[in-house]
Amino acid sequence: MKDDGRPLFLQIAEQIENSIVDGSLAADTQVPSTNELAAFHRINPATAAKGINQLVADGILYKRRGIGMFVAADARAQLLERRRENFTRQYLTPLMAEADKLGMGAEEIKKLIEAWEHKR
C-alpha cells in the first residue's frame, strides 16, 4: 500500500471498489480474504477486515457464512452512482462556479471540452 495519508483500511476498500468498477470483480465473485489481503499488503489482518467490513456495511459486499465475502449484485451500479455524485461535487460544481465568474455558459464550456477531446 502506498502512504497517501489516508487510513490503510480505506485504501483496501477503495482497491476492491476499483476492481468492481473496472469489471475485474464481477457480481457474486468472491473477494480475497482478509488474511490474503493482509499478507499481500503486509498489514494487520484487522486493518484488512475493517476495509472489508466497511464495504459490507455499504452494501457492496455480502458474506456467505463459512465461505467468504462476495460482490453484491448491484455493487457496480452503486459505486458508479456514488462516484458520479462525487465527480459532480468535486469537479463540476467548482468548474461551473468559476465559469459563472468568467461569464461563460454551459455551451461555451461544452465547446471547450470538445476542443480538448480533439487535442488528446
Protein backbone atom coordinates (compact mmCIF):
# COMPACT_ATOMS: atom_id res chain seq x y z
CA MET A 1 0.00 0.00 0.00
CA LYS A 2 1.20 3.49 -0.70
CA ASP A 3 1.34 6.03 2.08
CA ASP A 4 -1.05 8.68 0.78
CA GLY A 5 -2.08 9.85 4.22
CA ARG A 6 -5.40 8.01 4.21
CA PRO A 7 -6.04 5.11 6.58
CA LEU A 8 -4.99 1.74 5.16
CA PHE A 9 -8.44 0.23 5.62
CA LEU A 10 -9.89 2.92 3.32
CA GLN A 11 -7.21 2.18 0.74
CA ILE A 12 -8.09 -1.54 0.90
CA ALA A 13 -11.79 -0.74 0.44
CA GLU A 14 -11.02 1.59 -2.47
CA GLN A 15 -8.83 -1.02 -4.15
CA ILE A 16 -11.70 -3.52 -4.05
CA GLU A 17 -14.15 -0.86 -5.24
CA ASN A 18 -11.86 -0.06 -8.18
CA SER A 19 -11.77 -3.74 -9.13
CA ILE A 20 -15.57 -3.83 -9.08
CA VAL A 21 -15.88 -0.64 -11.14
CA ASP A 22 -13.37 -1.78 -13.77
CA GLY A 23 -15.06 -5.18 -14.02
CA SER A 24 -12.25 -7.37 -12.73
CA LEU A 25 -14.50 -8.33 -9.79
CA ALA A 26 -17.96 -9.12 -11.13
CA ALA A 27 -21.19 -9.60 -9.19
CA ASP A 28 -21.18 -12.70 -6.98
CA THR A 29 -17.39 -13.06 -7.31
CA GLN A 30 -15.52 -13.94 -4.15
CA VAL A 31 -13.12 -11.26 -2.96
CA PRO A 32 -9.76 -12.06 -1.35
CA SER A 33 -9.95 -12.94 2.33
CA THR A 34 -8.75 -10.56 4.99
CA ASN A 35 -5.76 -12.84 5.60
CA GLU A 36 -4.88 -12.83 1.89
CA LEU A 37 -5.17 -9.04 1.75
CA ALA A 38 -3.12 -8.66 4.92
CA ALA A 39 -0.36 -10.95 3.64
CA PHE A 40 -0.27 -9.31 0.21
CA HIS A 41 -0.12 -5.76 1.57
CA ARG A 42 1.89 -6.68 4.68
CA ILE A 43 -0.65 -5.15 7.02
CA ASN A 44 -2.51 -6.30 10.11
CA PRO A 45 -5.45 -8.62 9.28
CA ALA A 46 -7.68 -6.45 11.50
CA THR A 47 -6.94 -3.49 9.21
CA ALA A 48 -7.88 -5.50 6.12
CA ALA A 49 -11.02 -6.70 7.90
CA LYS A 50 -12.01 -3.13 8.69
CA GLY A 51 -11.87 -2.28 4.97
CA ILE A 52 -13.90 -5.35 4.05
CA ASN A 53 -16.44 -4.67 6.80
CA GLN A 54 -16.88 -1.10 5.54
CA LEU A 55 -17.83 -2.49 2.12
CA VAL A 56 -20.28 -4.91 3.74
CA ALA A 57 -21.85 -2.03 5.69
CA ASP A 58 -22.14 -0.07 2.42
CA GLY A 59 -23.89 -2.99 0.69
CA ILE A 60 -21.04 -3.52 -1.78
CA LEU A 61 -20.06 -6.94 -0.41
CA TYR A 62 -22.04 -9.66 1.30
CA LYS A 63 -20.97 -12.58 3.45
CA ARG A 64 -21.62 -16.25 2.74
CA ARG A 65 -21.28 -17.93 6.09
CA GLY A 66 -18.24 -20.20 6.18
CA ILE A 67 -17.23 -19.36 2.60
CA GLY A 68 -16.20 -15.72 2.45
CA MET A 69 -17.14 -12.31 1.09
CA PHE A 70 -18.69 -11.77 -2.32
CA VAL A 71 -19.53 -8.84 -4.58
CA ALA A 72 -23.20 -7.78 -4.28
CA ALA A 73 -25.32 -7.98 -7.43
CA ASP A 74 -25.78 -4.21 -7.71
CA ALA A 75 -22.37 -3.21 -6.35
CA ARG A 76 -21.02 -1.81 -9.62
CA ALA A 77 -24.14 0.30 -10.22
CA GLN A 78 -23.99 1.62 -6.63
CA LEU A 79 -20.33 2.54 -6.96
CA LEU A 80 -20.78 4.22 -10.34
CA GLU A 81 -23.66 6.30 -8.98
CA ARG A 82 -21.67 7.31 -5.90
CA ARG A 83 -18.63 8.21 -8.00
CA ARG A 84 -20.73 10.26 -10.41
CA GLU A 85 -22.14 12.21 -7.47
CA ASN A 86 -18.62 12.73 -6.09
CA PHE A 87 -17.38 13.81 -9.53
CA THR A 88 -20.13 16.41 -9.78
CA ARG A 89 -19.45 17.73 -6.29
CA GLN A 90 -15.65 17.70 -6.59
CA TYR A 91 -15.15 18.86 -10.19
CA LEU A 92 -18.28 20.03 -11.97
CA THR A 93 -19.66 22.32 -9.27
CA PRO A 94 -16.39 24.29 -8.89
CA LEU A 95 -15.92 24.36 -12.68
CA MET A 96 -19.34 25.87 -13.25
CA ALA A 97 -18.88 28.33 -10.36
CA GLU A 98 -15.66 29.59 -11.97
CA ALA A 99 -17.32 29.67 -15.41
CA ASP A 100 -20.11 31.84 -13.94
CA LYS A 101 -17.49 34.26 -12.58
CA LEU A 102 -15.96 34.46 -16.06
CA GLY A 103 -19.34 34.94 -17.73
CA MET A 104 -19.13 31.58 -19.51
CA GLY A 105 -22.22 29.47 -20.09
CA ALA A 106 -22.65 25.71 -20.43
CA GLU A 107 -22.45 25.87 -24.23
CA GLU A 108 -19.08 27.58 -24.11
CA ILE A 109 -17.82 25.02 -21.60
CA LYS A 110 -19.12 22.24 -23.85
CA LYS A 111 -17.18 23.68 -26.81
CA LEU A 112 -14.01 23.87 -24.71
CA ILE A 113 -14.42 20.24 -23.67
CA GLU A 114 -14.99 19.16 -27.28
CA ALA A 115 -11.88 21.07 -28.40
CA TRP A 116 -9.88 19.48 -25.59
CA GLU A 117 -11.05 15.98 -26.64
CA HIS A 118 -9.85 16.60 -30.21
CA LYS A 119 -6.38 17.53 -28.92
CA ARG A 120 -5.95 14.31 -26.91
